[in-house]
Amino acid sequence: MVLNTNNKKMNINNEWKNKNKEYLKELQSFLDKADNIENEKLKRDIIIQMLKCDKQLTLIAEQQFNKYYNLGYDKAKGE
């Protein structure tokens, strides 16, 4: 994803969390536990809902990063 901030292009790597070993370990643990759910519809619904939550949390984290990046950029620009 490319963002325009302060008239500068900034490349954002949306895959940052997918390179985090602890995140991947916890995700795998969740999926392993979900795999034990016998009701396939319930299993699918739970996994889909967790992935929706994960997506929202990722968007929040990226928005916060951009917010603090822009604050730092503006502060450095003003000094």
N, C-alpha and C. Protein backbone atom coordinates (compact mmCIF):
# COMPACT_ATOMS: atom_id res chain seq x y z
N MET A 1 0.84 -1.17 0.00
CA MET A 1 0.00 0.00 0.00
C MET A 1 0.89 1.23 0.00
N VAL A 2 0.54 2.23 -0.79
CA VAL A 2 1.29 3.48 -0.83
C VAL A 2 0.39 4.57 -0.28
N LEU A 3 0.88 5.28 0.72
CA LEU A 3 0.14 6.39 1.30
C LEU A 3 0.82 7.69 0.94
N ASN A 4 0.02 8.71 0.73
CA ASN A 4 0.57 10.04 0.53
C ASN A 4 0.44 10.79 1.85
N THR A 5 1.55 11.10 2.46
CA THR A 5 1.55 11.85 3.71
C THR A 5 2.50 13.01 3.57
N ASN A 6 1.99 14.19 3.87
CA ASN A 6 2.82 15.40 3.81
C ASN A 6 3.54 15.51 2.47
N ASN A 7 2.80 15.25 1.41
CA ASN A 7 3.33 15.34 0.05
C ASN A 7 4.49 14.38 -0.21
N LYS A 8 4.60 13.35 0.58
CA LYS A 8 5.61 12.32 0.37
C LYS A 8 4.90 10.99 0.23
N LYS A 9 5.41 10.14 -0.63
CA LYS A 9 4.86 8.79 -0.74
C LYS A 9 5.56 7.92 0.29
N MET A 10 4.74 7.12 0.98
CA MET A 10 5.27 6.25 2.00
C MET A 10 4.76 4.84 1.73
N ASN A 11 5.64 3.91 1.52
CA ASN A 11 5.24 2.52 1.30
C ASN A 11 4.98 1.86 2.64
N ILE A 12 3.80 1.25 2.75
CA ILE A 12 3.43 0.52 3.96
C ILE A 12 3.40 -0.96 3.61
N ASN A 13 4.10 -1.75 4.38
CA ASN A 13 4.11 -3.19 4.19
C ASN A 13 2.99 -3.79 5.04
N ASN A 14 1.89 -4.15 4.39
CA ASN A 14 0.75 -4.70 5.10
C ASN A 14 1.01 -6.10 5.64
N GLU A 15 2.13 -6.67 5.34
CA GLU A 15 2.41 -8.03 5.77
C GLU A 15 3.32 -8.08 7.00
N TRP A 16 3.47 -6.95 7.68
CA TRP A 16 4.38 -6.89 8.82
C TRP A 16 4.05 -7.92 9.89
N LYS A 17 2.79 -8.13 10.15
CA LYS A 17 2.44 -9.08 11.21
C LYS A 17 2.66 -10.52 10.79
N ASN A 18 2.61 -10.79 9.49
CA ASN A 18 2.78 -12.15 9.00
C ASN A 18 4.22 -12.61 9.06
N LYS A 19 5.13 -11.71 9.40
CA LYS A 19 6.53 -12.08 9.56
C LYS A 19 6.90 -12.22 11.04
N ASN A 20 5.92 -11.95 11.91
CA ASN A 20 6.15 -12.01 13.34
C ASN A 20 5.94 -13.44 13.83
N LYS A 21 6.99 -14.06 14.32
CA LYS A 21 6.92 -15.47 14.71
C LYS A 21 5.94 -15.71 15.85
N GLU A 22 5.87 -14.80 16.80
CA GLU A 22 4.95 -14.98 17.93
C GLU A 22 3.49 -14.90 17.45
N TYR A 23 3.21 -13.96 16.55
CA TYR A 23 1.87 -13.85 15.98
C TYR A 23 1.50 -15.14 15.25
N LEU A 24 2.41 -15.64 14.42
CA LEU A 24 2.15 -16.86 13.66
C LEU A 24 1.94 -18.06 14.58
N LYS A 25 2.71 -18.12 15.67
CA LYS A 25 2.56 -19.21 16.63
C LYS A 25 1.18 -19.17 17.26
N GLU A 26 0.74 -17.98 17.68
CA GLU A 26 -0.57 -17.85 18.31
C GLU A 26 -1.70 -18.12 17.32
N LEU A 27 -1.54 -17.67 16.10
CA LEU A 27 -2.55 -17.93 15.07
C LEU A 27 -2.67 -19.43 14.82
N GLN A 28 -1.54 -20.10 14.73
CA GLN A 28 -1.56 -21.55 14.51
C GLN A 28 -2.21 -22.27 15.69
N SER A 29 -1.93 -21.80 16.89
CA SER A 29 -2.54 -22.40 18.07
C SER A 29 -4.06 -22.25 18.03
N PHE A 30 -4.52 -21.06 17.64
CA PHE A 30 -5.97 -20.85 17.51
C PHE A 30 -6.56 -21.80 16.48
N LEU A 31 -5.93 -21.88 15.32
CA LEU A 31 -6.45 -22.73 14.25
C LEU A 31 -6.44 -24.20 14.64
N ASP A 32 -5.41 -24.62 15.38
CA ASP A 32 -5.35 -26.01 15.87
C ASP A 32 -6.52 -26.30 16.80
N LYS A 33 -6.80 -25.35 17.70
CA LYS A 33 -7.93 -25.54 18.62
C LYS A 33 -9.25 -25.53 17.87
N ALA A 34 -9.39 -24.62 16.92
CA ALA A 34 -10.63 -24.54 16.14
C ALA A 34 -10.85 -25.81 15.33
N ASP A 35 -9.76 -26.44 14.94
CA ASP A 35 -9.86 -27.66 14.14
C ASP A 35 -10.56 -28.78 14.91
N ASN A 36 -10.57 -28.69 16.23
CA ASN A 36 -11.22 -29.70 17.07
C ASN A 36 -12.73 -29.51 17.18
N ILE A 37 -13.25 -28.44 16.62
CA ILE A 37 -14.70 -28.21 16.65
C ILE A 37 -15.34 -29.12 15.61
N GLU A 38 -16.23 -29.96 16.05
CA GLU A 38 -16.83 -30.94 15.14
C GLU A 38 -17.85 -30.34 14.19
N ASN A 39 -18.61 -29.36 14.66
CA ASN A 39 -19.62 -28.72 13.83
C ASN A 39 -18.91 -27.81 12.81
N GLU A 40 -18.93 -28.22 11.55
CA GLU A 40 -18.17 -27.50 10.50
C GLU A 40 -18.63 -26.06 10.31
N LYS A 41 -19.94 -25.83 10.39
CA LYS A 41 -20.45 -24.47 10.22
C LYS A 41 -19.99 -23.59 11.37
N LEU A 42 -20.09 -24.10 12.59
CA LEU A 42 -19.63 -23.36 13.76
C LEU A 42 -18.12 -23.08 13.66
N LYS A 43 -17.35 -24.09 13.27
CA LYS A 43 -15.90 -23.93 13.11
C LYS A 43 -15.60 -22.82 12.10
N ARG A 44 -16.26 -22.87 10.96
CA ARG A 44 -16.03 -21.88 9.92
C ARG A 44 -16.42 -20.48 10.40
N ASP A 45 -17.58 -20.38 11.07
CA ASP A 45 -18.04 -19.09 11.56
C ASP A 45 -17.08 -18.49 12.59
N ILE A 46 -16.56 -19.31 13.48
CA ILE A 46 -15.62 -18.84 14.50
C ILE A 46 -14.32 -18.36 13.85
N ILE A 47 -13.80 -19.12 12.90
CA ILE A 47 -12.56 -18.72 12.22
C ILE A 47 -12.77 -17.44 11.43
N ILE A 48 -13.88 -17.34 10.72
CA ILE A 48 -14.16 -16.12 9.94
C ILE A 48 -14.26 -14.91 10.87
N GLN A 49 -14.96 -15.07 11.99
CA GLN A 49 -15.12 -13.94 12.91
C GLN A 49 -13.77 -13.53 13.51
N MET A 50 -12.94 -14.50 13.86
CA MET A 50 -11.62 -14.17 14.41
C MET A 50 -10.79 -13.43 13.37
N LEU A 51 -10.86 -13.84 12.10
CA LEU A 51 -10.11 -13.17 11.05
C LEU A 51 -10.62 -11.76 10.81
N LYS A 52 -11.93 -11.54 10.96
CA LYS A 52 -12.48 -10.18 10.86
C LYS A 52 -11.94 -9.30 11.98
N CYS A 53 -11.91 -9.85 13.19
CA CYS A 53 -11.35 -9.10 14.32
C CYS A 53 -9.87 -8.79 14.10
N ASP A 54 -9.14 -9.77 13.59
CA ASP A 54 -7.72 -9.59 13.32
C ASP A 54 -7.50 -8.49 12.28
N LYS A 55 -8.34 -8.46 11.26
CA LYS A 55 -8.22 -7.44 10.23
C LYS A 55 -8.45 -6.05 10.82
N GLN A 56 -9.47 -5.92 11.66
CA GLN A 56 -9.76 -4.62 12.27
C GLN A 56 -8.62 -4.18 13.18
N LEU A 57 -8.08 -5.10 13.95
CA LEU A 57 -6.96 -4.77 14.83
C LEU A 57 -5.74 -4.34 14.02
N THR A 58 -5.51 -5.00 12.89
CA THR A 58 -4.40 -4.63 12.01
C THR A 58 -4.60 -3.23 11.46
N LEU A 59 -5.81 -2.90 11.04
CA LEU A 59 -6.10 -1.55 10.53
C LEU A 59 -5.88 -0.51 11.61
N ILE A 60 -6.31 -0.80 12.84
CA ILE A 60 -6.09 0.12 13.95
C ILE A 60 -4.60 0.34 14.17
N ALA A 61 -3.82 -0.73 14.18
CA ALA A 61 -2.37 -0.62 14.39
C ALA A 61 -1.72 0.21 13.30
N GLU A 62 -2.12 -0.01 12.05
CA GLU A 62 -1.54 0.75 10.95
C GLU A 62 -1.95 2.22 11.01
N GLN A 63 -3.18 2.50 11.43
CA GLN A 63 -3.62 3.89 11.58
C GLN A 63 -2.83 4.59 12.68
N GLN A 64 -2.59 3.88 13.77
CA GLN A 64 -1.79 4.46 14.85
C GLN A 64 -0.36 4.72 14.40
N PHE A 65 0.20 3.79 13.67
CA PHE A 65 1.55 3.99 13.14
C PHE A 65 1.60 5.25 12.28
N ASN A 66 0.62 5.38 11.37
CA ASN A 66 0.58 6.56 10.50
C ASN A 66 0.40 7.84 11.29
N LYS A 67 -0.44 7.80 12.31
CA LYS A 67 -0.67 8.97 13.16
C LYS A 67 0.64 9.42 13.81
N TYR A 68 1.34 8.48 14.42
CA TYR A 68 2.59 8.83 15.11
C TYR A 68 3.70 9.18 14.12
N TYR A 69 3.71 8.55 12.98
CA TYR A 69 4.67 8.91 11.94
C TYR A 69 4.46 10.37 11.53
N ASN A 70 3.20 10.73 11.26
CA ASN A 70 2.90 12.09 10.84
C ASN A 70 3.20 13.10 11.94
N LEU A 71 2.91 12.76 13.20
CA LEU A 71 3.24 13.66 14.30
C LEU A 71 4.75 13.89 14.38
N GLY A 72 5.52 12.81 14.26
CA GLY A 72 6.98 12.92 14.29
C GLY A 72 7.51 13.70 13.10
N TYR A 73 6.94 13.46 11.95
CA TYR A 73 7.35 14.17 10.74
C TYR A 73 7.07 15.66 10.88
N ASP A 74 5.87 15.99 11.34
CA ASP A 74 5.51 17.40 11.51
C ASP A 74 6.38 18.08 12.56
N LYS A 75 6.68 17.38 13.64
CA LYS A 75 7.54 17.92 14.70
C LYS A 75 8.94 18.16 14.18
N ALA A 76 9.48 17.18 13.44
CA ALA A 76 10.84 17.32 12.90
C ALA A 76 10.88 18.44 11.85
N LYS A 77 9.84 18.56 11.08
CA LYS A 77 9.76 19.59 10.04
C LYS A 77 9.73 20.99 10.66
N GLY A 78 9.07 21.09 11.83
CA GLY A 78 8.94 22.39 12.50
C GLY A 78 10.18 22.81 13.27
N GLU A 79 11.09 21.90 13.51
CA GLU A 79 12.31 22.23 14.28
C GLU A 79 13.39 22.81 13.43
